[in-house]
Amino acid sequence: MWSLNDVVLVKYMGEYVYHIEFDDGAKGDIDFSKYLSWGGVFESFNDKNFFQSAYIEGGTIAWPNGADIAPETLYERCLKK
C-alpha cells in the first residue's frame, strides 16, 4: 500500500520502460507505452528523445512539458511485478 512515498530514482531502460525506485525500497520496471495513445501532454512520448528526458519532480516521474504520473499509480505498478 502506498503511504506517501517518493520516487528517488528513475532510470531509462530502453523502449518505453523506466526503472522506478521509491524511498521505502519498492522498485520495478514500468512500461509507459500505453500512454502513447492518450494524447494531450502524453503525445510528446512518441518522440523517444523526449520520452528519455524524464526526471524526478515532486516525488514522482515528470517530463519537461508538464506530464507526470501519479506516484501512487507508479507504486501500485511496481508492487504488481
C-alpha atoms as a PDB file:
ATOM      1  CA  MET A   1       0.000   0.000   0.000  1.00  0.00           C
ATOM      2  CA  TRP A   2       1.291   3.425  -0.982  1.00  0.00           C
ATOM      3  CA  SER A   3       1.987   5.634   2.002  1.00  0.00           C
ATOM      4  CA  LEU A   4       3.026   8.983   0.511  1.00  0.00           C
ATOM      5  CA  ASN A   5       6.308   7.509  -0.686  1.00  0.00           C
ATOM      6  CA  ASP A   6       8.517   9.480  -3.068  1.00  0.00           C
ATOM      7  CA  VAL A   7      10.259   8.307  -6.192  1.00  0.00           C
ATOM      8  CA  VAL A   8      14.011   8.543  -5.572  1.00  0.00           C
ATOM      9  CA  LEU A   9      15.334   7.014  -8.808  1.00  0.00           C
ATOM     10  CA  VAL A  10      14.225   6.947 -12.429  1.00  0.00           C
ATOM     11  CA  LYS A  11      16.453   5.111 -14.879  1.00  0.00           C
ATOM     12  CA  TYR A  12      15.666   4.727 -18.571  1.00  0.00           C
ATOM     13  CA  MET A  13      15.880   1.045 -19.546  1.00  0.00           C
ATOM     14  CA  GLY A  14      15.005   1.160 -23.249  1.00  0.00           C
ATOM     15  CA  GLU A  15      11.928   1.419 -25.485  1.00  0.00           C
ATOM     16  CA  TYR A  16       9.248   2.891 -23.167  1.00  0.00           C
ATOM     17  CA  VAL A  17      10.458   1.380 -19.902  1.00  0.00           C
ATOM     18  CA  TYR A  18      11.814   3.146 -16.832  1.00  0.00           C
ATOM     19  CA  HIS A  19      13.137   1.526 -13.688  1.00  0.00           C
ATOM     20  CA  ILE A  20      11.495   3.310 -10.747  1.00  0.00           C
ATOM     21  CA  GLU A  21      12.591   3.163  -7.099  1.00  0.00           C
ATOM     22  CA  PHE A  22      10.792   4.582  -4.071  1.00  0.00           C
ATOM     23  CA  ASP A  23      12.174   5.829  -0.771  1.00  0.00           C
ATOM     24  CA  ASP A  24      10.875   2.739   1.066  1.00  0.00           C
ATOM     25  CA  GLY A  25      12.697   0.314  -1.247  1.00  0.00           C
ATOM     26  CA  ALA A  26       9.782  -0.580  -3.532  1.00  0.00           C
ATOM     27  CA  LYS A  27      11.007  -0.749  -7.119  1.00  0.00           C
ATOM     28  CA  GLY A  28      10.189  -2.083 -10.526  1.00  0.00           C
ATOM     29  CA  ASP A  29      10.407  -1.633 -14.265  1.00  0.00           C
ATOM     30  CA  ILE A  30       7.382   0.134 -15.712  1.00  0.00           C
ATOM     31  CA  ASP A  31       6.375   0.150 -19.363  1.00  0.00           C
ATOM     32  CA  PHE A  32       4.853   3.530 -20.246  1.00  0.00           C
ATOM     33  CA  SER A  33       3.905   2.585 -23.833  1.00  0.00           C
ATOM     34  CA  LYS A  34       0.175   2.621 -23.002  1.00  0.00           C
ATOM     35  CA  TYR A  35       0.402   6.406 -22.636  1.00  0.00           C
ATOM     36  CA  LEU A  36       1.369   6.814 -26.325  1.00  0.00           C
ATOM     37  CA  SER A  37      -2.277   6.746 -27.397  1.00  0.00           C
ATOM     38  CA  TRP A  38      -3.591   9.054 -24.654  1.00  0.00           C
ATOM     39  CA  GLY A  39      -2.874  12.322 -26.491  1.00  0.00           C
ATOM     40  CA  GLY A  40      -2.548  15.662 -24.734  1.00  0.00           C
ATOM     41  CA  VAL A  41       0.710  16.063 -22.819  1.00  0.00           C
ATOM     42  CA  PHE A  42       1.467  12.379 -23.433  1.00  0.00           C
ATOM     43  CA  GLU A  43       1.548  12.854 -27.210  1.00  0.00           C
ATOM     44  CA  SER A  44       5.173  14.007 -26.817  1.00  0.00           C
ATOM     45  CA  PHE A  45       6.080  10.473 -25.682  1.00  0.00           C
ATOM     46  CA  ASN A  46       6.043   9.455 -29.352  1.00  0.00           C
ATOM     47  CA  ASP A  47       9.389  11.259 -29.618  1.00  0.00           C
ATOM     48  CA  LYS A  48      11.734   8.816 -27.861  1.00  0.00           C
ATOM     49  CA  ASN A  49      14.308  11.548 -27.217  1.00  0.00           C
ATOM     50  CA  PHE A  50      11.650  13.485 -25.353  1.00  0.00           C
ATOM     51  CA  PHE A  51      10.466  10.375 -23.508  1.00  0.00           C
ATOM     52  CA  GLN A  52      14.022   9.758 -22.303  1.00  0.00           C
ATOM     53  CA  SER A  53      14.174  13.247 -20.742  1.00  0.00           C
ATOM     54  CA  ALA A  54      12.213  12.239 -17.611  1.00  0.00           C
ATOM     55  CA  TYR A  55      13.341  13.431 -14.198  1.00  0.00           C
ATOM     56  CA  ILE A  56      12.088  13.416 -10.605  1.00  0.00           C
ATOM     57  CA  GLU A  57       9.866  16.303  -9.554  1.00  0.00           C
ATOM     58  CA  GLY A  58       7.521  16.455  -6.589  1.00  0.00           C
ATOM     59  CA  GLY A  59       8.278  12.860  -5.636  1.00  0.00           C
ATOM     60  CA  THR A  60       7.329  11.350  -8.980  1.00  0.00           C
ATOM     61  CA  ILE A  61       8.475  10.958 -12.579  1.00  0.00           C
ATOM     62  CA  ALA A  62       7.915  14.025 -14.768  1.00  0.00           C
ATOM     63  CA  TRP A  63       8.774  15.366 -18.218  1.00  0.00           C
ATOM     64  CA  PRO A  64       9.644  18.891 -19.404  1.00  0.00           C
ATOM     65  CA  ASN A  65       6.186  19.527 -20.911  1.00  0.00           C
ATOM     66  CA  GLY A  66       4.437  19.115 -17.537  1.00  0.00           C
ATOM     67  CA  ALA A  67       3.466  15.460 -17.974  1.00  0.00           C
ATOM     68  CA  ASP A  68       3.783  13.326 -14.870  1.00  0.00           C
ATOM     69  CA  ILE A  69       2.368  10.124 -13.449  1.00  0.00           C
ATOM     70  CA  ALA A  70       0.786   9.995 -10.003  1.00  0.00           C
ATOM     71  CA  PRO A  71       3.240   8.368  -7.578  1.00  0.00           C
ATOM     72  CA  GLU A  72       0.536   6.068  -6.198  1.00  0.00           C
ATOM     73  CA  THR A  73      -0.026   4.723  -9.714  1.00  0.00           C
ATOM     74  CA  LEU A  74       3.689   4.034 -10.109  1.00  0.00           C
ATOM     75  CA  TYR A  75       3.870   2.432  -6.672  1.00  0.00           C
ATOM     76  CA  GLU A  76       0.983   0.095  -7.423  1.00  0.00           C
ATOM     77  CA  ARG A  77       2.556  -0.936 -10.727  1.00  0.00           C
ATOM     78  CA  CYS A  78       5.893  -1.618  -9.006  1.00  0.00           C
ATOM     79  CA  LEU A  79       4.212  -3.914  -6.496  1.00  0.00           C
ATOM     80  CA  LYS A  80       2.378  -5.896  -9.197  1.00  0.00           C
ATOM     81  CA  LYS A  81       5.643  -7.051 -10.790  1.00  0.00           C
END
